[in-house]
Protein backbone atom coordinates (compact mmCIF):
# COMPACT_ATOMS: atom_id res chain seq x y z
CA UNK A 1 0.25 -7.03 18.56
CA UNK A 2 0.42 -4.61 15.59
CA UNK A 3 -2.65 -3.10 14.16
CA UNK A 4 -2.65 -1.58 10.58
CA UNK A 5 -5.67 0.60 9.53
CA UNK A 6 -6.00 1.70 6.03
CA UNK A 7 -7.99 4.56 4.50
CA UNK A 8 -8.42 6.34 1.31
CA UNK A 9 -9.80 3.77 -1.14
CA UNK A 10 -12.75 4.39 -3.26
CA UNK A 11 -14.08 4.74 -6.82
CA UNK A 12 -12.22 6.92 -9.36
CA UNK A 13 -12.28 7.37 -13.06
CA UNK A 14 -9.41 6.31 -15.16
CA UNK A 15 -6.72 8.95 -15.19
CA UNK A 16 -7.70 10.05 -11.70
CA UNK A 17 -5.78 9.93 -8.46
CA UNK A 18 -6.10 8.53 -4.95
CA UNK A 19 -4.06 8.68 -1.88
CA UNK A 20 -4.04 5.70 0.50
CA UNK A 21 -2.91 5.83 4.11
CA UNK A 22 -2.07 3.24 6.68
CA UNK A 23 -1.54 4.01 10.28
CA UNK A 24 0.29 1.42 12.42
CA UNK A 25 -0.24 1.09 16.13
CA UNK A 26 0.29 -1.38 18.90
CA UNK A 27 3.50 -3.21 19.81
CA UNK A 28 5.65 -1.68 17.13
CA UNK A 29 9.24 -2.41 17.83
CA UNK A 30 11.58 -2.50 14.97
CA UNK A 31 10.14 -2.00 11.51
CA UNK A 32 12.06 -3.43 8.55
CA UNK A 33 9.70 -2.09 5.91
CA UNK A 34 6.12 -0.93 5.18
CA UNK A 35 4.34 -1.35 1.94
CA UNK A 36 1.30 -1.86 -0.09
CA UNK A 37 0.04 -4.99 -1.83
CA UNK A 38 -2.79 -5.36 -4.25
CA UNK A 39 -5.16 -8.32 -4.87
CA UNK A 40 -7.18 -8.13 -7.99
CA UNK A 41 -10.11 -10.48 -8.46
CA UNK A 42 -9.04 -13.94 -9.21
CA UNK A 43 -5.46 -13.12 -8.85
CA UNK A 44 -2.76 -13.41 -6.15
CA UNK A 45 -1.77 -10.72 -3.89
CA UNK A 46 1.25 -8.75 -5.38
CA UNK A 47 3.57 -6.09 -4.06
CA UNK A 48 2.86 -2.58 -5.35
CA UNK A 49 5.41 -0.59 -3.46
CA UNK A 50 7.37 -0.77 -0.30
CA UNK A 51 9.70 1.48 1.72
CA UNK A 52 12.35 0.41 4.16
CA UNK A 53 13.17 1.94 7.42
CA UNK A 54 16.09 3.60 5.80
CA UNK A 55 13.91 5.17 3.10
CA UNK A 56 14.67 3.03 0.15
CA UNK A 57 11.73 2.32 -2.04
CA UNK A 58 10.77 -0.42 -4.51
CA UNK A 59 7.96 -0.44 -6.89
CA UNK A 60 6.24 -3.06 -9.16
CA UNK A 61 6.85 -2.25 -12.75
CA UNK A 62 3.21 -1.39 -13.25
CA UNK A 63 3.49 1.29 -10.48
CA UNK A 64 6.68 2.94 -11.47
CA UNK A 65 6.30 6.64 -12.52
CA UNK A 66 2.71 6.73 -11.42
CA UNK A 67 2.68 5.73 -7.77
CA UNK A 68 4.70 7.19 -4.86
CA UNK A 69 5.15 5.58 -1.51
CA UNK A 70 6.19 7.66 1.51
CA UNK A 71 6.26 7.34 5.23
CA UNK A 72 5.89 9.63 8.23
CA UNK A 73 6.71 7.86 11.52
CA UNK A 74 4.24 4.98 11.82
CA UNK A 75 2.07 5.98 8.86
CA UNK A 76 2.66 4.88 5.29
CA UNK A 77 1.09 6.58 2.21
CA UNK A 78 0.60 5.62 -1.43
CA UNK A 79 -0.03 8.46 -3.77
CA UNK A 80 -1.58 7.01 -6.97
CA UNK A 81 -1.84 8.97 -10.13
CA UNK A 82 -2.86 8.31 -13.70
CA UNK A 83 -4.93 5.38 -12.44
CA UNK A 84 -5.89 2.61 -14.91
CA UNK A 85 -8.64 -0.04 -14.80
CA UNK A 86 -6.00 -2.66 -14.07
CA UNK A 87 -5.08 -0.88 -10.84
CA UNK A 88 -8.51 -2.08 -9.44
CA UNK A 89 -8.31 -4.35 -6.46
CA UNK A 90 -8.07 -4.49 -2.71
CA UNK A 91 -5.05 -2.76 -1.41
CA UNK A 92 -3.45 -4.14 1.73
CA UNK A 93 -1.07 -2.37 3.93
CA UNK A 94 1.88 -4.51 5.12
CA UNK A 95 4.38 -4.04 7.92
CA UNK A 96 7.40 -6.42 8.10
CA UNK A 97 9.42 -6.47 11.30
CA UNK A 98 13.19 -6.93 11.56
CA UNK A 99 12.34 -10.47 12.54
CA UNK A 100 10.55 -10.95 9.23
CA UNK A 101 7.11 -11.11 10.77
CA UNK A 102 4.45 -9.83 8.46
CA UNK A 103 1.46 -7.78 9.59
CA UNK A 104 -1.48 -6.95 7.36
CA UNK A 105 -4.28 -4.45 7.27
CA UNK A 106 -7.90 -5.38 6.62
CA UNK A 107 -7.67 -3.97 3.04
CA UNK A 108 -9.28 -1.03 1.19
CA UNK A 109 -10.99 -1.35 -2.08
CA UNK A 110 -9.78 0.68 -5.10
CA UNK A 111 -12.04 0.70 -8.19
CA UNK A 112 -10.95 2.46 -11.32
CA UNK A 113 -13.75 2.92 -13.88
CA UNK A 114 -12.84 3.16 -17.51
């Protein structure tokens, strides 16, 4: 099994920054991609950013120019700047294997106060 442990969430004022981390452990074989998803209250979970094993990145339109995803071995980071109230939600780490199996972390709360 794969375990994903997130950290770095919290309460921040609008315009501030946060850095999320997600460490993967366990039966990690071939990783296709790692990424971050957000679920706001009353909304569906949505992709925020992801990075492939080759280093290609993809961002939601709302995250472009403000968020940066990076990866070091089995840890993925999300640097968030210029945070807005609409960035509030539970952020989940995702790992997708080459066999398209999805693994999820337990989630970390990010709250941006205006």
